[in-house]
C-alpha atoms as a PDB file:
ATOM      1  CA  MET A   1    -272.096 -71.843 -80.570  1.00  0.00           C
ATOM      2  CA  SER A   2    -270.243 -71.017 -77.389  1.00  0.00           C
ATOM      3  CA  SER A   3    -272.164 -70.861 -74.143  1.00  0.00           C
ATOM      4  CA  ALA A   4    -270.630 -67.441 -73.613  1.00  0.00           C
ATOM      5  CA  ILE A   5    -273.222 -66.119 -76.034  1.00  0.00           C
ATOM      6  CA  GLU A   6    -276.135 -68.372 -75.136  1.00  0.00           C
ATOM      7  CA  ASN A   7    -275.772 -67.643 -71.402  1.00  0.00           C
ATOM      8  CA  PRO A   8    -273.553 -64.573 -71.110  1.00  0.00           C
ATOM      9  CA  PHE A   9    -273.964 -63.953 -67.375  1.00  0.00           C
ATOM     10  CA  ARG A  10    -271.335 -65.385 -65.084  1.00  0.00           C
ATOM     11  CA  ILE A  11    -272.170 -65.236 -61.391  1.00  0.00           C
ATOM     12  CA  VAL A  12    -269.248 -64.635 -59.064  1.00  0.00           C
ATOM     13  CA  GLN A  13    -269.395 -64.782 -55.295  1.00  0.00           C
ATOM     14  CA  SER A  14    -268.246 -61.713 -53.376  1.00  0.00           C
ATOM     15  CA  SER A  15    -266.585 -61.709 -49.969  1.00  0.00           C
ATOM     16  CA  ASN A  16    -270.070 -61.457 -48.490  1.00  0.00           C
ATOM     17  CA  ALA A  17    -271.645 -64.860 -49.126  1.00  0.00           C
ATOM     18  CA  THR A  18    -275.081 -63.275 -49.591  1.00  0.00           C
ATOM     19  CA  ASP A  19    -273.987 -60.842 -52.330  1.00  0.00           C
ATOM     20  CA  TRP A  20    -273.790 -61.936 -55.958  1.00  0.00           C
ATOM     21  CA  ASP A  21    -272.592 -59.796 -58.841  1.00  0.00           C
ATOM     22  CA  PRO A  22    -272.785 -60.234 -62.617  1.00  0.00           C
ATOM     23  CA  ALA A  23    -269.614 -60.448 -64.693  1.00  0.00           C
ATOM     24  CA  PRO A  24    -268.337 -57.264 -66.399  1.00  0.00           C
ATOM     25  CA  ARG A  25    -270.851 -56.165 -69.001  1.00  0.00           C
ATOM     26  CA  ILE A  26    -269.966 -56.818 -72.632  1.00  0.00           C
ATOM     27  CA  ALA A  27    -270.646 -53.596 -74.532  1.00  0.00           C
ATOM     28  CA  SER A  28    -270.075 -54.915 -78.047  1.00  0.00           C
ATOM     29  CA  LEU A  29    -269.224 -57.966 -80.123  1.00  0.00           C
ATOM     30  CA  LEU A  30    -266.239 -58.065 -82.467  1.00  0.00           C
ATOM     31  CA  ILE A  31    -267.372 -60.632 -85.028  1.00  0.00           C
ATOM     32  CA  LYS A  32    -265.081 -62.388 -87.532  1.00  0.00           C
ATOM     33  CA  PRO A  33    -267.642 -63.693 -90.068  1.00  0.00           C
ATOM     34  CA  ALA A  34    -264.927 -64.917 -92.452  1.00  0.00           C
ATOM     35  CA  SER A  35    -262.271 -65.658 -89.818  1.00  0.00           C
ATOM     36  CA  ALA A  36    -258.794 -64.793 -91.156  1.00  0.00           C
ATOM     37  CA  LEU A  37    -259.815 -65.162 -94.822  1.00  0.00           C
ATOM     38  CA  CYS A  38    -258.800 -62.130 -96.867  1.00  0.00           C
ATOM     39  CA  ASN A  39    -258.325 -61.202-100.503  1.00  0.00           C
ATOM     40  CA  LEU A  40    -255.227 -59.175 -99.567  1.00  0.00           C
ATOM     41  CA  ASP A  41    -251.867 -60.259 -98.181  1.00  0.00           C
ATOM     42  CA  CYS A  42    -250.677 -57.279 -96.138  1.00  0.00           C
ATOM     43  CA  ASP A  43    -247.123 -57.645 -94.869  1.00  0.00           C
ATOM     44  CA  TYR A  44    -248.044 -56.579 -91.341  1.00  0.00           C
ATOM     45  CA  CYS A  45    -251.237 -58.630 -90.986  1.00  0.00           C
ATOM     46  CA  PHE A  46    -251.450 -60.068 -87.457  1.00  0.00           C
ATOM     47  CA  TYR A  47    -254.235 -62.514 -88.245  1.00  0.00           C
ATOM     48  CA  LEU A  48    -253.859 -64.162 -91.656  1.00  0.00           C
ATOM     49  CA  ASP A  49    -252.982 -67.855 -91.228  1.00  0.00           C
ATOM     50  CA  ARG A  50    -250.479 -67.489 -88.439  1.00  0.00           C
ATOM     51  CA  GLU A  51    -249.090 -70.722 -86.998  1.00  0.00           C
ATOM     52  CA  ALA A  52    -251.340 -70.243 -83.988  1.00  0.00           C
ATOM     53  CA  ASP A  53    -254.485 -70.081 -86.165  1.00  0.00           C
ATOM     54  CA  PRO A  54    -256.579 -73.117 -85.135  1.00  0.00           C
ATOM     55  CA  TYR A  55    -258.690 -72.863 -88.305  1.00  0.00           C
ATOM     56  CA  GLU A  56    -255.896 -72.741 -90.891  1.00  0.00           C
ATOM     57  CA  ALA A  57    -256.775 -76.192 -92.265  1.00  0.00           C
ATOM     58  CA  ILE A  58    -260.397 -75.218 -92.915  1.00  0.00           C
ATOM     59  CA  PRO A  59    -260.651 -73.894 -96.508  1.00  0.00           C
ATOM     60  CA  THR A  60    -264.049 -72.217 -96.068  1.00  0.00           C
ATOM     61  CA  ARG A  61    -264.414 -70.229 -92.891  1.00  0.00           C
ATOM     62  CA  ILE A  62    -267.683 -68.352 -93.308  1.00  0.00           C
ATOM     63  CA  MET A  63    -270.187 -68.035 -90.469  1.00  0.00           C
ATOM     64  CA  THR A  64    -273.369 -69.964 -91.208  1.00  0.00           C
ATOM     65  CA  GLN A  65    -276.752 -68.283 -90.955  1.00  0.00           C
ATOM     66  CA  GLU A  66    -277.656 -70.758 -88.193  1.00  0.00           C
ATOM     67  CA  THR A  67    -274.721 -69.548 -86.102  1.00  0.00           C
ATOM     68  CA  LEU A  68    -275.527 -65.938 -86.994  1.00  0.00           C
ATOM     69  CA  GLN A  69    -279.143 -66.383 -85.881  1.00  0.00           C
ATOM     70  CA  ARG A  70    -278.116 -67.827 -82.521  1.00  0.00           C
ATOM     71  CA  LEU A  71    -275.554 -65.058 -82.083  1.00  0.00           C
ATOM     72  CA  VAL A  72    -278.036 -62.255 -82.789  1.00  0.00           C
ATOM     73  CA  ASP A  73    -280.797 -63.816 -80.692  1.00  0.00           C
ATOM     74  CA  GLY A  74    -278.526 -64.372 -77.692  1.00  0.00           C
ATOM     75  CA  TYR A  75    -276.766 -61.029 -77.788  1.00  0.00           C
ATOM     76  CA  LEU A  76    -279.903 -58.936 -78.285  1.00  0.00           C
ATOM     77  CA  ALA A  77    -281.446 -60.636 -75.251  1.00  0.00           C
ATOM     78  CA  TYR A  78    -278.307 -59.990 -73.197  1.00  0.00           C
ATOM     79  CA  SER A  79    -277.459 -56.449 -74.257  1.00  0.00           C
ATOM     80  CA  PHE A  80    -280.829 -54.632 -74.105  1.00  0.00           C
ATOM     81  CA  PRO A  81    -281.337 -51.699 -74.572  1.00  0.00           C
ATOM     82  CA  ASN A  82    -278.115 -50.881 -76.516  1.00  0.00           C
ATOM     83  CA  SER A  83    -276.606 -53.548 -78.758  1.00  0.00           C
ATOM     84  CA  ALA A  84    -273.464 -53.045 -80.860  1.00  0.00           C
ATOM     85  CA  PHE A  85    -272.287 -55.463 -83.547  1.00  0.00           C
ATOM     86  CA  ALA A  86    -268.846 -54.879 -85.113  1.00  0.00           C
ATOM     87  CA  PHE A  87    -267.517 -56.914 -88.041  1.00  0.00           C
ATOM     88  CA  GLN A  88    -263.829 -57.354 -88.861  1.00  0.00           C
ATOM     89  CA  GLY A  89    -261.601 -59.921 -90.487  1.00  0.00           C
ATOM     90  CA  GLY A  90    -259.681 -60.954 -92.399  1.00  0.00           C
ATOM     91  CA  GLU A  91    -262.045 -59.263 -94.809  1.00  0.00           C
ATOM     92  CA  PRO A  92    -265.636 -59.403 -93.499  1.00  0.00           C
ATOM     93  CA  THR A  93    -267.265 -58.648 -96.860  1.00  0.00           C
ATOM     94  CA  LEU A  94    -266.117 -62.129 -97.965  1.00  0.00           C
ATOM     95  CA  ALA A  95    -269.082 -63.398 -95.927  1.00  0.00           C
ATOM     96  CA  GLY A  96    -271.246 -61.964 -98.718  1.00  0.00           C
ATOM     97  CA  LEU A  97    -274.151 -59.556 -99.027  1.00  0.00           C
ATOM     98  CA  ASP A  98    -276.713 -62.236 -98.174  1.00  0.00           C
ATOM     99  CA  PHE A  99    -274.997 -62.791 -94.824  1.00  0.00           C
ATOM    100  CA  PHE A 100    -275.425 -59.148 -93.868  1.00  0.00           C
ATOM    101  CA  ARG A 101    -278.975 -59.024 -95.215  1.00  0.00           C
ATOM    102  CA  ALA A 102    -279.744 -62.000 -92.958  1.00  0.00           C
ATOM    103  CA  LEU A 103    -278.104 -60.116 -90.070  1.00  0.00           C
ATOM    104  CA  ILE A 104    -280.569 -57.250 -90.504  1.00  0.00           C
ATOM    105  CA  GLU A 105    -283.552 -59.608 -90.675  1.00  0.00           C
ATOM    106  CA  PHE A 106    -282.461 -61.423 -87.499  1.00  0.00           C
ATOM    107  CA  GLN A 107    -281.990 -58.107 -85.706  1.00  0.00           C
ATOM    108  CA  LYS A 108    -285.496 -57.061 -86.731  1.00  0.00           C
ATOM    109  CA  ARG A 109    -286.899 -60.409 -85.596  1.00  0.00           C
ATOM    110  CA  PHE A 110    -285.222 -60.620 -82.210  1.00  0.00           C
ATOM    111  CA  GLY A 111    -284.955 -56.945 -81.286  1.00  0.00           C
ATOM    112  CA  ARG A 112    -287.408 -55.524 -78.777  1.00  0.00           C
ATOM    113  CA  ARG A 113    -289.303 -52.257 -78.669  1.00  0.00           C
ATOM    114  CA  GLY A 114    -286.980 -49.506 -77.467  1.00  0.00           C
ATOM    115  CA  GLN A 115    -283.812 -51.416 -78.348  1.00  0.00           C
ATOM    116  CA  ALA A 116    -281.052 -49.492 -80.169  1.00  0.00           C
ATOM    117  CA  VAL A 117    -278.989 -51.689 -82.489  1.00  0.00           C
ATOM    118  CA  SER A 118    -275.841 -50.496 -84.260  1.00  0.00           C
ATOM    119  CA  ASN A 119    -273.665 -52.193 -86.866  1.00  0.00           C
ATOM    120  CA  SER A 120    -270.121 -51.342 -87.901  1.00  0.00           C
ATOM    121  CA  ILE A 121    -267.727 -52.924 -90.358  1.00  0.00           C
ATOM    122  CA  GLN A 122    -264.001 -52.520 -91.000  1.00  0.00           C
ATOM    123  CA  THR A 123    -263.110 -53.308 -94.606  1.00  0.00           C
ATOM    124  CA  ASN A 124    -260.210 -52.990 -97.016  1.00  0.00           C
ATOM    125  CA  GLY A 125    -262.814 -51.647 -99.448  1.00  0.00           C
ATOM    126  CA  THR A 126    -261.669 -53.568-102.496  1.00  0.00           C
ATOM    127  CA  LEU A 127    -264.833 -55.686-102.815  1.00  0.00           C
ATOM    128  CA  LEU A 128    -267.402 -52.923-102.345  1.00  0.00           C
ATOM    129  CA  THR A 129    -270.141 -52.426-104.928  1.00  0.00           C
ATOM    130  CA  PRO A 130    -273.181 -50.140-105.200  1.00  0.00           C
ATOM    131  CA  GLU A 131    -275.227 -52.974-103.621  1.00  0.00           C
ATOM    132  CA  TRP A 132    -272.981 -52.927-100.546  1.00  0.00           C
ATOM    133  CA  CYS A 133    -273.376 -49.162-100.383  1.00  0.00           C
ATOM    134  CA  THR A 134    -277.155 -49.433-100.489  1.00  0.00           C
ATOM    135  CA  LEU A 135    -277.097 -51.801 -97.511  1.00  0.00           C
ATOM    136  CA  PHE A 136    -274.703 -49.582 -95.536  1.00  0.00           C
ATOM    137  CA  ARG A 137    -276.678 -46.418 -96.255  1.00  0.00           C
ATOM    138  CA  THR A 138    -280.127 -47.905 -95.668  1.00  0.00           C
ATOM    139  CA  PHE A 139    -279.240 -49.461 -92.310  1.00  0.00           C
ATOM    140  CA  HIS A 140    -276.786 -46.808 -91.131  1.00  0.00           C
ATOM    141  CA  PHE A 141    -273.671 -48.965 -90.874  1.00  0.00           C
ATOM    142  CA  LEU A 142    -270.582 -47.297 -89.494  1.00  0.00           C
ATOM    143  CA  VAL A 143    -268.048 -48.111 -92.214  1.00  0.00           C
ATOM    144  CA  GLY A 144    -264.303 -48.021 -91.663  1.00  0.00           C
ATOM    145  CA  VAL A 145    -261.948 -48.202 -94.654  1.00  0.00           C
ATOM    146  CA  SER A 146    -258.297 -49.165 -94.252  1.00  0.00           C
ATOM    147  CA  LEU A 147    -256.039 -46.646 -95.988  1.00  0.00           C
ATOM    148  CA  ASP A 148    -252.514 -45.919 -94.775  1.00  0.00           C
ATOM    149  CA  GLY A 149    -251.947 -42.752 -96.794  1.00  0.00           C
ATOM    150  CA  PRO A 150    -250.771 -41.733-100.276  1.00  0.00           C
ATOM    151  CA  LYS A 151    -249.931 -44.408-102.825  1.00  0.00           C
ATOM    152  CA  ASP A 152    -246.287 -44.894-101.840  1.00  0.00           C
ATOM    153  CA  VAL A 153    -247.235 -45.229 -98.167  1.00  0.00           C
ATOM    154  CA  HIS A 154    -250.254 -47.476 -98.615  1.00  0.00           C
ATOM    155  CA  ASP A 155    -248.635 -49.779-101.163  1.00  0.00           C
ATOM    156  CA  ALA A 156    -245.542 -50.272 -99.006  1.00  0.00           C
ATOM    157  CA  TYR A 157    -247.282 -52.996 -96.979  1.00  0.00           C
ATOM    158  CA  ARG A 158    -250.902 -53.332 -98.135  1.00  0.00           C
ATOM    159  CA  VAL A 159    -250.636 -55.656-101.127  1.00  0.00           C
ATOM    160  CA  ASN A 160    -252.824 -58.298-102.747  1.00  0.00           C
ATOM    161  CA  LYS A 161    -252.074 -61.986-103.290  1.00  0.00           C
ATOM    162  CA  ALA A 162    -250.060 -61.142-106.408  1.00  0.00           C
ATOM    163  CA  ARG A 163    -247.945 -58.742-104.299  1.00  0.00           C
ATOM    164  CA  HIS A 164    -249.318 -55.710-106.127  1.00  0.00           C
ATOM    165  CA  GLY A 165    -250.243 -52.545-104.258  1.00  0.00           C
ATOM    166  CA  THR A 166    -253.936 -51.957-103.491  1.00  0.00           C
ATOM    167  CA  TRP A 167    -254.059 -48.151-103.298  1.00  0.00           C
ATOM    168  CA  ASN A 168    -255.883 -47.740-106.625  1.00  0.00           C
ATOM    169  CA  ASP A 169    -258.598 -50.208-105.578  1.00  0.00           C
ATOM    170  CA  VAL A 170    -259.079 -48.531-102.202  1.00  0.00           C
ATOM    171  CA  MET A 171    -259.342 -45.111-103.825  1.00  0.00           C
ATOM    172  CA  ASP A 172    -262.042 -46.497-106.141  1.00  0.00           C
ATOM    173  CA  ALA A 173    -263.887 -47.717-103.037  1.00  0.00           C
ATOM    174  CA  ILE A 174    -263.667 -44.323-101.336  1.00  0.00           C
ATOM    175  CA  ARG A 175    -264.984 -42.552-104.429  1.00  0.00           C
ATOM    176  CA  LEU A 176    -267.813 -45.104-104.588  1.00  0.00           C
ATOM    177  CA  LEU A 177    -268.760 -44.539-100.942  1.00  0.00           C
ATOM    178  CA  GLN A 178    -268.747 -40.780-101.461  1.00  0.00           C
ATOM    179  CA  ARG A 179    -270.782 -41.039-104.651  1.00  0.00           C
ATOM    180  CA  GLU A 180    -273.310 -43.330-102.949  1.00  0.00           C
ATOM    181  CA  ARG A 181    -273.514 -40.999 -99.910  1.00  0.00           C
ATOM    182  CA  VAL A 182    -272.282 -43.570 -97.418  1.00  0.00           C
ATOM    183  CA  GLU A 183    -270.601 -42.098 -94.350  1.00  0.00           C
ATOM    184  CA  PHE A 184    -267.257 -43.689 -93.541  1.00  0.00           C
ATOM    185  CA  ASN A 185    -264.089 -43.163 -91.580  1.00  0.00           C
ATOM    186  CA  VAL A 186    -260.503 -44.064 -92.384  1.00  0.00           C
ATOM    187  CA  LEU A 187    -258.314 -46.348 -90.309  1.00  0.00           C
ATOM    188  CA  SER A 188    -254.630 -45.786 -90.921  1.00  0.00           C
ATOM    189  CA  VAL A 189    -251.830 -47.997 -89.606  1.00  0.00           C
ATOM    190  CA  VAL A 190    -248.849 -45.955 -88.433  1.00  0.00           C
ATOM    191  CA  SER A 191    -245.706 -47.740 -89.616  1.00  0.00           C
ATOM    192  CA  GLN A 192    -242.201 -46.885 -90.726  1.00  0.00           C
ATOM    193  CA  ALA A 193    -243.782 -45.884 -94.048  1.00  0.00           C
ATOM    194  CA  ASN A 194    -245.634 -42.878 -92.599  1.00  0.00           C
ATOM    195  CA  VAL A 195    -244.634 -42.238 -88.976  1.00  0.00           C
ATOM    196  CA  ARG A 196    -242.395 -39.293 -89.988  1.00  0.00           C
ATOM    197  CA  ARG A 197    -245.065 -37.734 -92.222  1.00  0.00           C
ATOM    198  CA  PRO A 198    -247.990 -36.848 -89.900  1.00  0.00           C
ATOM    199  CA  VAL A 199    -248.735 -33.379 -91.289  1.00  0.00           C
ATOM    200  CA  GLU A 200    -248.571 -34.618 -94.879  1.00  0.00           C
ATOM    201  CA  LEU A 201    -250.792 -37.549 -93.892  1.00  0.00           C
ATOM    202  CA  TYR A 202    -253.375 -35.280 -92.242  1.00  0.00           C
ATOM    203  CA  ARG A 203    -253.529 -32.952 -95.245  1.00  0.00           C
ATOM    204  CA  TYR A 204    -253.808 -35.902 -97.591  1.00  0.00           C
ATOM    205  CA  PHE A 205    -256.871 -37.284 -95.790  1.00  0.00           C
ATOM    206  CA  ARG A 206    -258.451 -33.841 -95.595  1.00  0.00           C
ATOM    207  CA  GLU A 207    -257.986 -33.358 -99.339  1.00  0.00           C
ATOM    208  CA  LEU A 208    -259.854 -36.642 -99.811  1.00  0.00           C
ATOM    209  CA  GLY A 209    -262.735 -35.150 -97.828  1.00  0.00           C
ATOM    210  CA  VAL A 210    -262.288 -37.517 -94.874  1.00  0.00           C
ATOM    211  CA  ALA A 211    -263.389 -36.015 -91.558  1.00  0.00           C
ATOM    212  CA  TYR A 212    -263.235 -39.101 -89.315  1.00  0.00           C
ATOM    213  CA  LEU A 213    -259.798 -40.612 -88.727  1.00  0.00           C
ATOM    214  CA  GLN A 214    -258.270 -43.343 -86.616  1.00  0.00           C
ATOM    215  CA  PHE A 215    -254.578 -44.139 -86.295  1.00  0.00           C
ATOM    216  CA  ILE A 216    -253.195 -47.431 -84.981  1.00  0.00           C
ATOM    217  CA  PRO A 217    -249.509 -47.840 -84.099  1.00  0.00           C
ATOM    218  CA  LEU A 218    -247.825 -50.845 -85.719  1.00  0.00           C
ATOM    219  CA  VAL A 219    -245.845 -52.808 -83.128  1.00  0.00           C
ATOM    220  CA  GLU A 220    -244.956 -56.371 -84.108  1.00  0.00           C
ATOM    221  CA  TYR A 221    -242.037 -58.504 -82.926  1.00  0.00           C
ATOM    222  CA  GLN A 222    -240.187 -61.493 -84.325  1.00  0.00           C
ATOM    223  CA  PRO A 223    -240.211 -64.745 -82.304  1.00  0.00           C
ATOM    224  CA  GLY A 224    -236.808 -63.889 -80.849  1.00  0.00           C
ATOM    225  CA  GLY A 225    -238.010 -60.532 -79.559  1.00  0.00           C
ATOM    226  CA  MET A 226    -236.562 -58.243 -82.216  1.00  0.00           C
ATOM    227  CA  PRO A 227    -238.996 -55.688 -83.643  1.00  0.00           C
ATOM    228  CA  GLU A 228    -240.127 -56.196 -87.222  1.00  0.00           C
ATOM    229  CA  ALA A 229    -238.683 -53.750 -89.755  1.00  0.00           C
ATOM    230  CA  PHE A 230    -242.000 -51.869 -90.061  1.00  0.00           C
ATOM    231  CA  THR A 231    -242.485 -51.503 -86.281  1.00  0.00           C
ATOM    232  CA  ILE A 232    -242.416 -47.988 -84.809  1.00  0.00           C
ATOM    233  CA  SER A 233    -241.023 -46.969 -81.439  1.00  0.00           C
ATOM    234  CA  GLY A 234    -242.853 -45.210 -78.635  1.00  0.00           C
ATOM    235  CA  ASP A 235    -240.867 -42.018 -79.245  1.00  0.00           C
ATOM    236  CA  GLU A 236    -241.709 -42.084 -82.943  1.00  0.00           C
ATOM    237  CA  TYR A 237    -245.403 -42.527 -82.217  1.00  0.00           C
ATOM    238  CA  GLY A 238    -245.311 -39.747 -79.638  1.00  0.00           C
ATOM    239  CA  HIS A 239    -243.777 -37.283 -82.120  1.00  0.00           C
ATOM    240  CA  PHE A 240    -246.323 -38.428 -84.731  1.00  0.00           C
ATOM    241  CA  LEU A 241    -249.244 -37.708 -82.389  1.00  0.00           C
ATOM    242  CA  CYS A 242    -247.913 -34.312 -81.316  1.00  0.00           C
ATOM    243  CA  GLU A 243    -247.435 -33.122 -84.888  1.00  0.00           C
ATOM    244  CA  MET A 244    -250.786 -34.594 -85.900  1.00  0.00           C
ATOM    245  CA  PHE A 245    -252.457 -32.773 -83.011  1.00  0.00           C
ATOM    246  CA  ASP A 246    -251.004 -29.418 -84.076  1.00  0.00           C
ATOM    247  CA  ALA A 247    -252.198 -29.951 -87.652  1.00  0.00           C
ATOM    248  CA  TRP A 248    -255.664 -31.032 -86.479  1.00  0.00           C
ATOM    249  CA  TRP A 249    -256.290 -28.442 -83.757  1.00  0.00           C
ATOM    250  CA  PRO A 250    -257.503 -25.584 -86.016  1.00  0.00           C
ATOM    251  CA  GLU A 251    -260.132 -27.981 -87.481  1.00  0.00           C
ATOM    252  CA  ARG A 252    -261.023 -29.710 -84.216  1.00  0.00           C
ATOM    253  CA  ARG A 253    -264.691 -28.747 -84.480  1.00  0.00           C
ATOM    254  CA  THR A 254    -265.145 -30.350 -87.895  1.00  0.00           C
ATOM    255  CA  VAL A 255    -262.613 -33.220 -87.949  1.00  0.00           C
ATOM    256  CA  ARG A 256    -262.616 -36.138 -85.537  1.00  0.00           C
ATOM    257  CA  ILE A 257    -259.539 -38.177 -84.632  1.00  0.00           C
ATOM    258  CA  ARG A 258    -260.440 -41.058 -82.360  1.00  0.00           C
ATOM    259  CA  TYR A 259    -257.367 -40.968 -80.124  1.00  0.00           C
ATOM    260  CA  PHE A 260    -257.833 -37.273 -79.384  1.00  0.00           C
ATOM    261  CA  ASP A 261    -261.541 -37.863 -78.729  1.00  0.00           C
ATOM    262  CA  ASN A 262    -260.570 -40.559 -76.222  1.00  0.00           C
ATOM    263  CA  ILE A 263    -258.197 -38.210 -74.411  1.00  0.00           C
ATOM    264  CA  ALA A 264    -260.927 -35.561 -74.266  1.00  0.00           C
ATOM    265  CA  GLU A 265    -263.346 -38.121 -72.825  1.00  0.00           C
ATOM    266  CA  ALA A 266    -260.855 -39.048 -70.107  1.00  0.00           C
ATOM    267  CA  LEU A 267    -260.140 -35.387 -69.245  1.00  0.00           C
ATOM    268  CA  ALA A 268    -263.892 -34.776 -68.985  1.00  0.00           C
ATOM    269  CA  GLY A 269    -264.191 -37.575 -66.437  1.00  0.00           C
ATOM    270  CA  GLN A 270    -265.833 -39.998 -68.837  1.00  0.00           C
ATOM    271  CA  LYS A 271    -264.801 -43.538 -69.689  1.00  0.00           C
ATOM    272  CA  PRO A 272    -262.951 -43.452 -73.038  1.00  0.00           C
ATOM    273  CA  SER A 273    -264.626 -45.457 -75.783  1.00  0.00           C
ATOM    274  CA  THR A 274    -261.329 -47.232 -76.572  1.00  0.00           C
ATOM    275  CA  CYS A 275    -260.817 -50.078 -74.126  1.00  0.00           C
ATOM    276  CA  THR A 276    -257.020 -49.855 -74.228  1.00  0.00           C
ATOM    277  CA  MET A 277    -257.429 -46.721 -72.105  1.00  0.00           C
ATOM    278  CA  HIS A 278    -259.361 -48.672 -69.464  1.00  0.00           C
ATOM    279  CA  ASP A 279    -257.949 -50.574 -66.498  1.00  0.00           C
ATOM    280  CA  SER A 280    -258.638 -53.731 -68.505  1.00  0.00           C
ATOM    281  CA  CYS A 281    -259.891 -54.466 -72.025  1.00  0.00           C
ATOM    282  CA  ASP A 282    -263.015 -56.383 -70.989  1.00  0.00           C
ATOM    283  CA  SER A 283    -265.809 -54.461 -72.705  1.00  0.00           C
ATOM    284  CA  TYR A 284    -266.088 -56.666 -75.799  1.00  0.00           C
ATOM    285  CA  VAL A 285    -265.535 -60.229 -76.909  1.00  0.00           C
ATOM    286  CA  VAL A 286    -264.347 -61.636 -80.233  1.00  0.00           C
ATOM    287  CA  VAL A 287    -266.670 -64.105 -81.949  1.00  0.00           C
ATOM    288  CA  GLU A 288    -265.114 -66.446 -84.518  1.00  0.00           C
ATOM    289  CA  HIS A 289    -266.828 -67.711 -87.677  1.00  0.00           C
ATOM    290  CA  ASN A 290    -267.900 -70.934 -85.913  1.00  0.00           C
ATOM    291  CA  GLY A 291    -269.374 -69.131 -82.906  1.00  0.00           C
ATOM    292  CA  VAL A 292    -266.442 -69.672 -80.576  1.00  0.00           C
ATOM    293  CA  VAL A 293    -266.074 -66.715 -78.221  1.00  0.00           C
END
């Protein structure tokens, strides 16, 4: 386990030798319980077994309960009274139900009176079962499901190991979450497959009954500096956002789009919840499966 979790305060000396200040406060952890392991093979994945992946040679990259216990204990002590745990991947559900059940037990054990603890998970949805839904609903997980749009859009890049599209499986997951009364949002990657279809995309998600949306621009480059074929330009993303805004505005009181929420926060004089709108992205740290921060 990295010392960044066991002793998360770094003391830095100011220009006045008698004044000492703590390091910037970490507001949340972005935990990779299964590292880059995933049951899908999305064309635009930035994380799955890249050459720079130091853990590529390790066949099983699942966080142990010992590491999880130390992580929860250390972070709850550091982050009182508000503690946020976010799980991503790869595919975080590959860590298994027992891993997340242990997470809850450790949070109960090490949490203090008056401490607010939140959990969120970003998943491709394809491994969800009613048992997962029971855990999410009982302990109020914020669940994000990756869905890029209608079948032709989603299946353009989000494929499984056999190179088959995954739209049908994700739709089954969304129907399951709705049937099991689990609140969720949708994360959609904006690529060349959908950047010119913002109004259609918005209406599609609304017809699914989704009221919480997040859009992420896809910008990836080849080693020589040329953009990948699926990469969008700044102008394309700007037009996408403007048209999306016009479609969303009449429903702004009932539908939430994270980027527009962030702009509203900034205009209201608040610090946006998305760190890319800050002076620096220093409000969270990534924790790998082996505890490295």
